[in-house]
Amino acid sequence: MAKVSAIQKNQKRQRMVKKDAAKRAELRATIRDRDLPPEDRFYAQLKLTEMPRDGSKIRVRNRCRITGRPRGYYRKFGISRIGLRDLASFGALPGVVKSSW
């Protein structure tokens, strides 16, 4: 089980990303627009750097929904390799078969 504080911090980041997504996208579009004057683009870049870093999508860590484990994460299932093995062993994941050769 992961530390509760780490899980909560990641959840806080997810909320901030959702809240700031539109504003960040607007600022990034302004920065990339070559038709605007350089002063406006620079001002948009300053505004973007003033925003909290945890509001950036790249700061969110994929974590297992069951245990909160940050490593060995399978995007398709949203859980870690350990949780995947446990659920597959119990037959809780349809279509997942233990391989043997």
C-alpha atoms as a PDB file:
ATOM      1  CA  MET A   1       0.000   0.000   0.000  1.00  0.00           C
ATOM      2  CA  ALA A   2       1.316   3.421  -0.937  1.00  0.00           C
ATOM      3  CA  LYS A   3       1.550   6.302   1.497  1.00  0.00           C
ATOM      4  CA  VAL A   4      -1.804   7.999   1.901  1.00  0.00           C
ATOM      5  CA  SER A   5      -0.169  11.413   1.614  1.00  0.00           C
ATOM      6  CA  ALA A   6       1.351  10.518  -1.782  1.00  0.00           C
ATOM      7  CA  ILE A   7      -2.009   9.322  -3.077  1.00  0.00           C
ATOM      8  CA  GLN A   8      -3.761  12.457  -1.816  1.00  0.00           C
ATOM      9  CA  LYS A   9      -1.094  14.717  -3.318  1.00  0.00           C
ATOM     10  CA  ASN A  10      -1.571  13.034  -6.692  1.00  0.00           C
ATOM     11  CA  GLN A  11      -5.357  13.421  -6.428  1.00  0.00           C
ATOM     12  CA  LYS A  12      -4.876  17.117  -5.649  1.00  0.00           C
ATOM     13  CA  ARG A  13      -2.729  17.436  -8.773  1.00  0.00           C
ATOM     14  CA  GLN A  14      -5.440  15.752 -10.848  1.00  0.00           C
ATOM     15  CA  ARG A  15      -8.017  18.253  -9.560  1.00  0.00           C
ATOM     16  CA  MET A  16      -5.692  21.177 -10.337  1.00  0.00           C
ATOM     17  CA  VAL A  17      -5.053  19.870 -13.857  1.00  0.00           C
ATOM     18  CA  LYS A  18      -8.776  19.614 -14.496  1.00  0.00           C
ATOM     19  CA  LYS A  19      -9.375  23.110 -13.124  1.00  0.00           C
ATOM     20  CA  ASP A  20      -6.521  24.831 -15.014  1.00  0.00           C
ATOM     21  CA  ALA A  21      -6.671  22.887 -18.297  1.00  0.00           C
ATOM     22  CA  ALA A  22      -8.624  25.461 -20.306  1.00  0.00           C
ATOM     23  CA  LYS A  23      -6.511  28.412 -19.189  1.00  0.00           C
ATOM     24  CA  ARG A  24      -3.252  26.547 -19.844  1.00  0.00           C
ATOM     25  CA  ALA A  25      -4.430  25.496 -23.317  1.00  0.00           C
ATOM     26  CA  GLU A  26      -5.388  29.081 -24.135  1.00  0.00           C
ATOM     27  CA  LEU A  27      -2.007  30.414 -23.008  1.00  0.00           C
ATOM     28  CA  ARG A  28      -0.122  27.730 -24.944  1.00  0.00           C
ATOM     29  CA  ALA A  29      -2.125  28.537 -28.079  1.00  0.00           C
ATOM     30  CA  THR A  30      -1.241  32.217 -27.645  1.00  0.00           C
ATOM     31  CA  ILE A  31       2.449  31.381 -27.224  1.00  0.00           C
ATOM     32  CA  ARG A  32       2.488  29.237 -30.391  1.00  0.00           C
ATOM     33  CA  ASP A  33       0.607  31.755 -32.556  1.00  0.00           C
ATOM     34  CA  ARG A  34       3.282  33.318 -34.775  1.00  0.00           C
ATOM     35  CA  ASP A  35       0.878  36.000 -36.077  1.00  0.00           C
ATOM     36  CA  LEU A  36       0.701  37.744 -32.687  1.00  0.00           C
ATOM     37  CA  PRO A  37       3.260  40.368 -31.702  1.00  0.00           C
ATOM     38  CA  PRO A  38       6.209  39.083 -29.660  1.00  0.00           C
ATOM     39  CA  GLU A  39       5.185  41.184 -26.634  1.00  0.00           C
ATOM     40  CA  ASP A  40       1.802  39.424 -26.363  1.00  0.00           C
ATOM     41  CA  ARG A  41       3.403  36.011 -26.733  1.00  0.00           C
ATOM     42  CA  PHE A  42       6.011  36.854 -24.099  1.00  0.00           C
ATOM     43  CA  TYR A  43       3.285  38.111 -21.738  1.00  0.00           C
ATOM     44  CA  ALA A  44       1.387  34.826 -22.217  1.00  0.00           C
ATOM     45  CA  GLN A  45       4.574  32.900 -21.467  1.00  0.00           C
ATOM     46  CA  LEU A  46       5.042  34.858 -18.236  1.00  0.00           C
ATOM     47  CA  LYS A  47       1.438  34.151 -17.218  1.00  0.00           C
ATOM     48  CA  LEU A  48       1.952  30.452 -17.881  1.00  0.00           C
ATOM     49  CA  THR A  49       5.101  30.329 -15.750  1.00  0.00           C
ATOM     50  CA  GLU A  50       3.291  32.089 -12.890  1.00  0.00           C
ATOM     51  CA  MET A  51       0.673  29.343 -12.725  1.00  0.00           C
ATOM     52  CA  PRO A  52       1.253  26.567 -10.163  1.00  0.00           C
ATOM     53  CA  ARG A  53       3.436  23.738 -11.405  1.00  0.00           C
ATOM     54  CA  ASP A  54       1.166  21.052  -9.983  1.00  0.00           C
ATOM     55  CA  GLY A  55      -1.536  22.210 -12.403  1.00  0.00           C
ATOM     56  CA  SER A  56       0.486  20.808 -15.298  1.00  0.00           C
ATOM     57  CA  LYS A  57      -0.695  17.491 -16.746  1.00  0.00           C
ATOM     58  CA  ILE A  58       2.824  16.066 -16.821  1.00  0.00           C
ATOM     59  CA  ARG A  59       3.064  16.193 -13.000  1.00  0.00           C
ATOM     60  CA  VAL A  60       0.266  13.652 -12.483  1.00  0.00           C
ATOM     61  CA  ARG A  61       1.546  10.161 -11.744  1.00  0.00           C
ATOM     62  CA  ASN A  62      -0.319   7.044 -12.886  1.00  0.00           C
ATOM     63  CA  ARG A  63      -1.197   5.047  -9.780  1.00  0.00           C
ATOM     64  CA  CYS A  64      -2.957   1.745  -9.141  1.00  0.00           C
ATOM     65  CA  ARG A  65      -6.616   2.254  -8.255  1.00  0.00           C
ATOM     66  CA  ILE A  66      -6.482  -0.554  -5.712  1.00  0.00           C
ATOM     67  CA  THR A  67      -3.197  -0.049  -3.873  1.00  0.00           C
ATOM     68  CA  GLY A  68      -1.946   3.336  -5.058  1.00  0.00           C
ATOM     69  CA  ARG A  69       1.295   1.760  -6.267  1.00  0.00           C
ATOM     70  CA  PRO A  70       3.071   4.079  -8.745  1.00  0.00           C
ATOM     71  CA  ARG A  71       5.184   1.469 -10.531  1.00  0.00           C
ATOM     72  CA  GLY A  72       4.260  -1.442 -12.749  1.00  0.00           C
ATOM     73  CA  TYR A  73       1.101   0.368 -13.895  1.00  0.00           C
ATOM     74  CA  TYR A  74      -1.019  -1.038 -16.748  1.00  0.00           C
ATOM     75  CA  ARG A  75      -2.940   1.747 -18.477  1.00  0.00           C
ATOM     76  CA  LYS A  76      -5.429  -0.638 -20.053  1.00  0.00           C
ATOM     77  CA  PHE A  77      -6.676  -1.756 -16.627  1.00  0.00           C
ATOM     78  CA  GLY A  78      -5.696   1.206 -14.460  1.00  0.00           C
ATOM     79  CA  ILE A  79      -4.010  -1.031 -11.904  1.00  0.00           C
ATOM     80  CA  SER A  80      -0.513  -2.245 -11.085  1.00  0.00           C
ATOM     81  CA  ARG A  81       0.980  -5.566 -12.097  1.00  0.00           C
ATOM     82  CA  ILE A  82       0.389  -6.971  -8.615  1.00  0.00           C
ATOM     83  CA  GLY A  83      -3.260  -5.965  -8.545  1.00  0.00           C
ATOM     84  CA  LEU A  84      -3.665  -7.306 -12.067  1.00  0.00           C
ATOM     85  CA  ARG A  85      -2.272 -10.675 -11.052  1.00  0.00           C
ATOM     86  CA  ASP A  86      -4.538 -10.903  -8.000  1.00  0.00           C
ATOM     87  CA  LEU A  87      -7.683  -9.990  -9.933  1.00  0.00           C
ATOM     88  CA  ALA A  88      -6.774 -12.308 -12.811  1.00  0.00           C
ATOM     89  CA  SER A  89      -6.179 -15.181 -10.385  1.00  0.00           C
ATOM     90  CA  PHE A  90      -9.656 -14.710  -8.923  1.00  0.00           C
ATOM     91  CA  GLY A  91     -11.169 -14.498 -12.420  1.00  0.00           C
ATOM     92  CA  ALA A  92     -12.343 -10.923 -11.863  1.00  0.00           C
ATOM     93  CA  LEU A  93     -10.913  -9.666 -15.175  1.00  0.00           C
ATOM     94  CA  PRO A  94     -12.819 -11.041 -18.154  1.00  0.00           C
ATOM     95  CA  GLY A  95     -10.668 -12.215 -21.040  1.00  0.00           C
ATOM     96  CA  VAL A  96      -7.450 -12.399 -19.017  1.00  0.00           C
ATOM     97  CA  VAL A  97      -5.961 -15.881 -18.967  1.00  0.00           C
ATOM     98  CA  LYS A  98      -2.854 -16.992 -17.146  1.00  0.00           C
ATOM     99  CA  SER A  99      -0.306 -18.033 -19.687  1.00  0.00           C
ATOM    100  CA  SER A 100       1.611 -21.279 -19.530  1.00  0.00           C
ATOM    101  CA  TRP A 101       4.003 -22.876 -22.008  1.00  0.00           C
END
